[in-house]
Amino acid sequence: MKRGHLGGFEQTLLYALVRLGEDASGLEIARLIEARTGRVISPGAIYTGLDRLESRRLVTSTLGEPTAQRGGKRRRLYSPTAAGVAELRAMHDTFTGLARGLRPKLRSS
């Protein structure tokens, strides 16, 4: 299967999902991204990005059990697919190879 292109935001979402494992909520994903990058992302952007990844079959989602905390509402839980992990691995390998040896050139003078 030919690999598609992942934008930077899609990569960030997939990195977060792989780190969190299966059944991660949008809120957990947002919190992890903020904790690791300092970047605050709106819930709307998170869910739009996850929907795009799901339409490309790189992520799956299910509805969790209703919780009293949410007034009986169910959370949507996301998991990376094998194809999503493979796509992220390919992108990661590409960028790792591109960046190899750049540390001396990136140091400030």
N, C-alpha and C. Protein backbone atom coordinates (compact mmCIF):
# COMPACT_ATOMS: atom_id res chain seq x y z
N MET A 1 0.84 -1.18 0.00
CA MET A 1 0.00 0.00 0.00
C MET A 1 0.88 1.24 0.00
N LYS A 2 0.57 2.16 -0.86
CA LYS A 2 1.33 3.40 -0.94
C LYS A 2 1.05 4.27 0.29
N ARG A 3 2.09 4.85 0.83
CA ARG A 3 1.95 5.71 2.01
C ARG A 3 1.45 7.08 1.59
N GLY A 4 0.59 7.65 2.42
CA GLY A 4 0.09 9.00 2.19
C GLY A 4 0.98 10.00 2.91
N HIS A 5 0.58 11.21 2.89
CA HIS A 5 1.32 12.26 3.58
C HIS A 5 0.61 12.60 4.88
N LEU A 6 1.38 12.70 5.93
CA LEU A 6 0.85 13.15 7.21
C LEU A 6 1.35 14.55 7.46
N GLY A 7 0.43 15.47 7.71
CA GLY A 7 0.81 16.81 8.10
C GLY A 7 1.37 16.81 9.52
N GLY A 8 1.98 17.89 9.91
CA GLY A 8 2.58 17.99 11.23
C GLY A 8 1.58 17.77 12.36
N PHE A 9 0.38 18.33 12.22
CA PHE A 9 -0.62 18.17 13.26
C PHE A 9 -1.10 16.72 13.35
N GLU A 10 -1.30 16.09 12.19
CA GLU A 10 -1.70 14.68 12.17
C GLU A 10 -0.62 13.81 12.80
N GLN A 11 0.65 14.13 12.53
CA GLN A 11 1.74 13.38 13.16
C GLN A 11 1.69 13.55 14.67
N THR A 12 1.45 14.78 15.12
CA THR A 12 1.38 15.04 16.56
C THR A 12 0.27 14.22 17.19
N LEU A 13 -0.90 14.17 16.56
CA LEU A 13 -2.00 13.38 17.09
C LEU A 13 -1.64 11.90 17.15
N LEU A 14 -1.01 11.39 16.10
CA LEU A 14 -0.63 9.98 16.09
C LEU A 14 0.45 9.68 17.12
N TYR A 15 1.42 10.57 17.27
CA TYR A 15 2.43 10.36 18.32
C TYR A 15 1.76 10.27 19.68
N ALA A 16 0.81 11.17 19.95
CA ALA A 16 0.11 11.15 21.23
C ALA A 16 -0.67 9.85 21.41
N LEU A 17 -1.36 9.42 20.36
CA LEU A 17 -2.14 8.19 20.46
C LEU A 17 -1.26 6.97 20.68
N VAL A 18 -0.14 6.90 19.99
CA VAL A 18 0.77 5.76 20.17
C VAL A 18 1.30 5.77 21.60
N ARG A 19 1.64 6.93 22.12
CA ARG A 19 2.14 7.04 23.49
C ARG A 19 1.06 6.62 24.50
N LEU A 20 -0.18 7.04 24.28
CA LEU A 20 -1.26 6.74 25.22
C LEU A 20 -1.78 5.31 25.09
N GLY A 21 -1.58 4.70 23.94
CA GLY A 21 -2.08 3.35 23.73
C GLY A 21 -3.52 3.36 23.26
N GLU A 22 -4.22 2.28 23.51
CA GLU A 22 -5.60 2.15 23.03
C GLU A 22 -6.58 2.88 23.94
N ASP A 23 -7.68 3.26 23.34
CA ASP A 23 -8.81 3.85 24.05
C ASP A 23 -8.47 5.15 24.78
N ALA A 24 -7.89 6.08 24.06
CA ALA A 24 -7.57 7.40 24.61
C ALA A 24 -8.67 8.39 24.21
N SER A 25 -9.05 9.23 25.14
CA SER A 25 -10.07 10.24 24.84
C SER A 25 -9.41 11.47 24.22
N GLY A 26 -10.22 12.29 23.57
CA GLY A 26 -9.72 13.53 23.00
C GLY A 26 -9.08 14.42 24.06
N LEU A 27 -9.68 14.45 25.26
CA LEU A 27 -9.13 15.25 26.35
C LEU A 27 -7.76 14.74 26.78
N GLU A 28 -7.60 13.44 26.87
CA GLU A 28 -6.30 12.87 27.23
C GLU A 28 -5.25 13.20 26.17
N ILE A 29 -5.65 13.14 24.93
CA ILE A 29 -4.74 13.45 23.83
C ILE A 29 -4.31 14.92 23.92
N ALA A 30 -5.28 15.81 24.12
CA ALA A 30 -4.99 17.25 24.23
C ALA A 30 -4.06 17.53 25.40
N ARG A 31 -4.32 16.90 26.54
CA ARG A 31 -3.48 17.11 27.73
C ARG A 31 -2.05 16.64 27.50
N LEU A 32 -1.91 15.49 26.85
CA LEU A 32 -0.56 14.97 26.58
C LEU A 32 0.19 15.90 25.64
N ILE A 33 -0.46 16.34 24.58
CA ILE A 33 0.20 17.25 23.63
C ILE A 33 0.61 18.53 24.34
N GLU A 34 -0.25 19.09 25.17
CA GLU A 34 0.11 20.31 25.89
C GLU A 34 1.27 20.06 26.84
N ALA A 35 1.24 18.94 27.56
CA ALA A 35 2.31 18.64 28.52
C ALA A 35 3.65 18.42 27.82
N ARG A 36 3.64 17.79 26.67
CA ARG A 36 4.89 17.46 25.98
C ARG A 36 5.41 18.58 25.09
N THR A 37 4.49 19.43 24.58
CA THR A 37 4.92 20.45 23.61
C THR A 37 4.69 21.88 24.09
N GLY A 38 3.84 22.05 25.10
CA GLY A 38 3.48 23.39 25.54
C GLY A 38 2.43 24.03 24.65
N ARG A 39 1.97 23.31 23.67
CA ARG A 39 1.00 23.82 22.70
C ARG A 39 -0.42 23.48 23.16
N VAL A 40 -1.26 24.49 23.30
CA VAL A 40 -2.66 24.29 23.66
C VAL A 40 -3.47 24.21 22.37
N ILE A 41 -4.21 23.13 22.23
CA ILE A 41 -4.98 22.92 21.01
C ILE A 41 -6.45 22.84 21.38
N SER A 42 -7.28 23.52 20.62
CA SER A 42 -8.72 23.53 20.91
C SER A 42 -9.30 22.13 20.72
N PRO A 43 -10.33 21.82 21.50
CA PRO A 43 -11.00 20.52 21.32
C PRO A 43 -11.50 20.33 19.89
N GLY A 44 -12.01 21.39 19.28
CA GLY A 44 -12.49 21.27 17.91
C GLY A 44 -11.40 20.82 16.95
N ALA A 45 -10.21 21.36 17.11
CA ALA A 45 -9.09 20.98 16.25
C ALA A 45 -8.69 19.52 16.50
N ILE A 46 -8.68 19.12 17.75
CA ILE A 46 -8.33 17.73 18.09
C ILE A 46 -9.31 16.78 17.39
N TYR A 47 -10.61 17.02 17.56
CA TYR A 47 -11.61 16.10 17.01
C TYR A 47 -11.66 16.15 15.49
N THR A 48 -11.43 17.30 14.89
CA THR A 48 -11.38 17.39 13.44
C THR A 48 -10.20 16.57 12.90
N GLY A 49 -9.05 16.72 13.55
CA GLY A 49 -7.87 15.96 13.14
C GLY A 49 -8.08 14.46 13.32
N LEU A 50 -8.67 14.06 14.43
CA LEU A 50 -8.93 12.64 14.66
C LEU A 50 -9.93 12.09 13.64
N ASP A 51 -10.93 12.88 13.29
CA ASP A 51 -11.88 12.46 12.26
C ASP A 51 -11.18 12.24 10.92
N ARG A 52 -10.26 13.15 10.57
CA ARG A 52 -9.50 12.99 9.32
C ARG A 52 -8.68 11.70 9.35
N LEU A 53 -8.02 11.46 10.48
CA LEU A 53 -7.21 10.25 10.60
C LEU A 53 -8.08 9.00 10.54
N GLU A 54 -9.26 9.08 11.14
CA GLU A 54 -10.17 7.93 11.11
C GLU A 54 -10.67 7.67 9.69
N SER A 55 -10.96 8.73 8.94
CA SER A 55 -11.43 8.55 7.56
C SER A 55 -10.33 7.93 6.68
N ARG A 56 -9.10 8.11 7.08
CA ARG A 56 -7.97 7.52 6.34
C ARG A 56 -7.59 6.15 6.91
N ARG A 57 -8.34 5.69 7.90
CA ARG A 57 -8.15 4.39 8.54
C ARG A 57 -6.82 4.28 9.28
N LEU A 58 -6.35 5.41 9.79
CA LEU A 58 -5.12 5.41 10.58
C LEU A 58 -5.44 5.39 12.07
N VAL A 59 -6.71 5.63 12.39
CA VAL A 59 -7.21 5.67 13.76
C VAL A 59 -8.60 5.04 13.75
N THR A 60 -8.95 4.36 14.84
CA THR A 60 -10.32 3.88 15.02
C THR A 60 -10.89 4.53 16.27
N SER A 61 -12.21 4.55 16.35
CA SER A 61 -12.84 5.07 17.55
C SER A 61 -14.01 4.19 17.95
N THR A 62 -14.27 4.18 19.24
CA THR A 62 -15.41 3.46 19.81
C THR A 62 -16.02 4.35 20.87
N LEU A 63 -17.24 4.03 21.26
CA LEU A 63 -17.87 4.75 22.36
C LEU A 63 -17.64 3.96 23.64
N GLY A 64 -17.15 4.66 24.66
CA GLY A 64 -16.94 4.04 25.96
C GLY A 64 -18.25 3.92 26.72
N GLU A 65 -18.15 3.42 27.92
CA GLU A 65 -19.31 3.28 28.78
C GLU A 65 -19.78 4.64 29.28
N PRO A 66 -21.08 4.80 29.53
CA PRO A 66 -21.58 6.05 30.12
C PRO A 66 -20.99 6.25 31.52
N THR A 67 -20.73 7.49 31.86
CA THR A 67 -20.18 7.78 33.19
C THR A 67 -21.06 8.81 33.90
N ALA A 68 -21.13 8.67 35.22
CA ALA A 68 -21.90 9.62 36.02
C ALA A 68 -21.29 11.01 35.93
N GLN A 69 -19.95 11.07 35.84
CA GLN A 69 -19.26 12.37 35.75
C GLN A 69 -19.72 13.17 34.54
N ARG A 70 -20.09 12.47 33.49
CA ARG A 70 -20.50 13.13 32.25
C ARG A 70 -22.02 13.11 32.09
N GLY A 71 -22.73 12.93 33.19
CA GLY A 71 -24.19 12.93 33.12
C GLY A 71 -24.74 11.79 32.29
N GLY A 72 -24.06 10.65 32.32
CA GLY A 72 -24.50 9.49 31.56
C GLY A 72 -24.05 9.47 30.12
N LYS A 73 -23.32 10.50 29.70
CA LYS A 73 -22.82 10.54 28.31
C LYS A 73 -21.62 9.62 28.17
N ARG A 74 -21.46 9.12 26.97
CA ARG A 74 -20.33 8.23 26.66
C ARG A 74 -19.20 9.02 26.01
N ARG A 75 -17.97 8.65 26.33
CA ARG A 75 -16.80 9.29 25.69
C ARG A 75 -16.44 8.52 24.44
N ARG A 76 -15.97 9.24 23.43
CA ARG A 76 -15.43 8.58 22.25
C ARG A 76 -13.96 8.32 22.54
N LEU A 77 -13.55 7.08 22.32
CA LEU A 77 -12.18 6.65 22.61
C LEU A 77 -11.48 6.28 21.31
N TYR A 78 -10.24 6.70 21.20
CA TYR A 78 -9.48 6.54 19.95
C TYR A 78 -8.29 5.61 20.16
N SER A 79 -7.98 4.87 19.11
CA SER A 79 -6.83 3.98 19.10
C SER A 79 -6.15 4.07 17.74
N PRO A 80 -4.81 4.00 17.72
CA PRO A 80 -4.13 3.97 16.42
C PRO A 80 -4.32 2.59 15.79
N THR A 81 -4.45 2.54 14.49
CA THR A 81 -4.51 1.26 13.78
C THR A 81 -3.09 0.83 13.44
N ALA A 82 -2.94 -0.41 13.01
CA ALA A 82 -1.63 -0.89 12.56
C ALA A 82 -1.13 -0.02 11.40
N ALA A 83 -2.05 0.36 10.52
CA ALA A 83 -1.67 1.23 9.39
C ALA A 83 -1.22 2.60 9.88
N GLY A 84 -1.88 3.12 10.91
CA GLY A 84 -1.49 4.41 11.48
C GLY A 84 -0.11 4.37 12.10
N VAL A 85 0.17 3.29 12.83
CA VAL A 85 1.49 3.13 13.45
C VAL A 85 2.55 2.99 12.36
N ALA A 86 2.25 2.22 11.32
CA ALA A 86 3.21 2.04 10.21
C ALA A 86 3.48 3.36 9.51
N GLU A 87 2.43 4.14 9.28
CA GLU A 87 2.58 5.45 8.63
C GLU A 87 3.44 6.38 9.48
N LEU A 88 3.17 6.40 10.78
CA LEU A 88 3.95 7.24 11.68
C LEU A 88 5.40 6.78 11.74
N ARG A 89 5.62 5.47 11.78
CA ARG A 89 6.98 4.93 11.80
C ARG A 89 7.75 5.35 10.55
N ALA A 90 7.10 5.27 9.39
CA ALA A 90 7.75 5.66 8.13
C ALA A 90 8.12 7.14 8.15
N MET A 91 7.19 7.98 8.62
CA MET A 91 7.48 9.42 8.69
C MET A 91 8.60 9.70 9.70
N HIS A 92 8.53 9.02 10.83
CA HIS A 92 9.55 9.20 11.87
C HIS A 92 10.93 8.80 11.34
N ASP A 93 11.00 7.67 10.67
CA ASP A 93 12.27 7.21 10.10
C ASP A 93 12.80 8.20 9.07
N THR A 94 11.92 8.75 8.25
CA THR A 94 12.32 9.72 7.24
C THR A 94 12.93 10.96 7.89
N PHE A 95 12.23 11.50 8.89
CA PHE A 95 12.72 12.72 9.54
C PHE A 95 13.96 12.46 10.40
N THR A 96 14.03 11.28 11.00
CA THR A 96 15.22 10.94 11.79
C THR A 96 16.44 10.88 10.87
N GLY A 97 16.26 10.27 9.70
CA GLY A 97 17.36 10.20 8.74
C GLY A 97 17.76 11.57 8.22
N LEU A 98 16.78 12.41 7.98
CA LEU A 98 17.05 13.75 7.50
C LEU A 98 17.80 14.58 8.55
N ALA A 99 17.45 14.39 9.81
CA ALA A 99 18.04 15.18 10.89
C ALA A 99 19.39 14.66 11.37
N ARG A 100 19.70 13.42 11.04
CA ARG A 100 20.94 12.80 11.52
C ARG A 100 22.14 13.67 11.14
N GLY A 101 22.95 13.99 12.14
CA GLY A 101 24.17 14.76 11.92
C GLY A 101 23.99 16.26 11.92
N LEU A 102 22.79 16.76 12.16
CA LEU A 102 22.56 18.20 12.12
C LEU A 102 22.86 18.93 13.43
N ARG A 103 23.01 18.21 14.53
CA ARG A 103 23.20 18.87 15.82
C ARG A 103 24.30 19.92 15.79
N PRO A 104 25.47 19.65 15.23
CA PRO A 104 26.52 20.70 15.20
C PRO A 104 26.08 21.95 14.43
N LYS A 105 25.32 21.76 13.37
CA LYS A 105 24.88 22.90 12.57
C LYS A 105 23.75 23.69 13.23
N LEU A 106 23.06 23.07 14.19
CA LEU A 106 21.94 23.74 14.86
C LEU A 106 22.36 24.45 16.14
N ARG A 107 23.58 24.25 16.57
CA ARG A 107 24.05 24.94 17.78
C ARG A 107 24.17 26.43 17.50
N SER A 108 23.85 27.21 18.51
CA SER A 108 23.99 28.65 18.33
C SER A 108 25.46 29.03 18.44
N SER A 109 25.82 30.05 17.72
CA SER A 109 27.23 30.50 17.68
C SER A 109 27.58 31.30 18.89
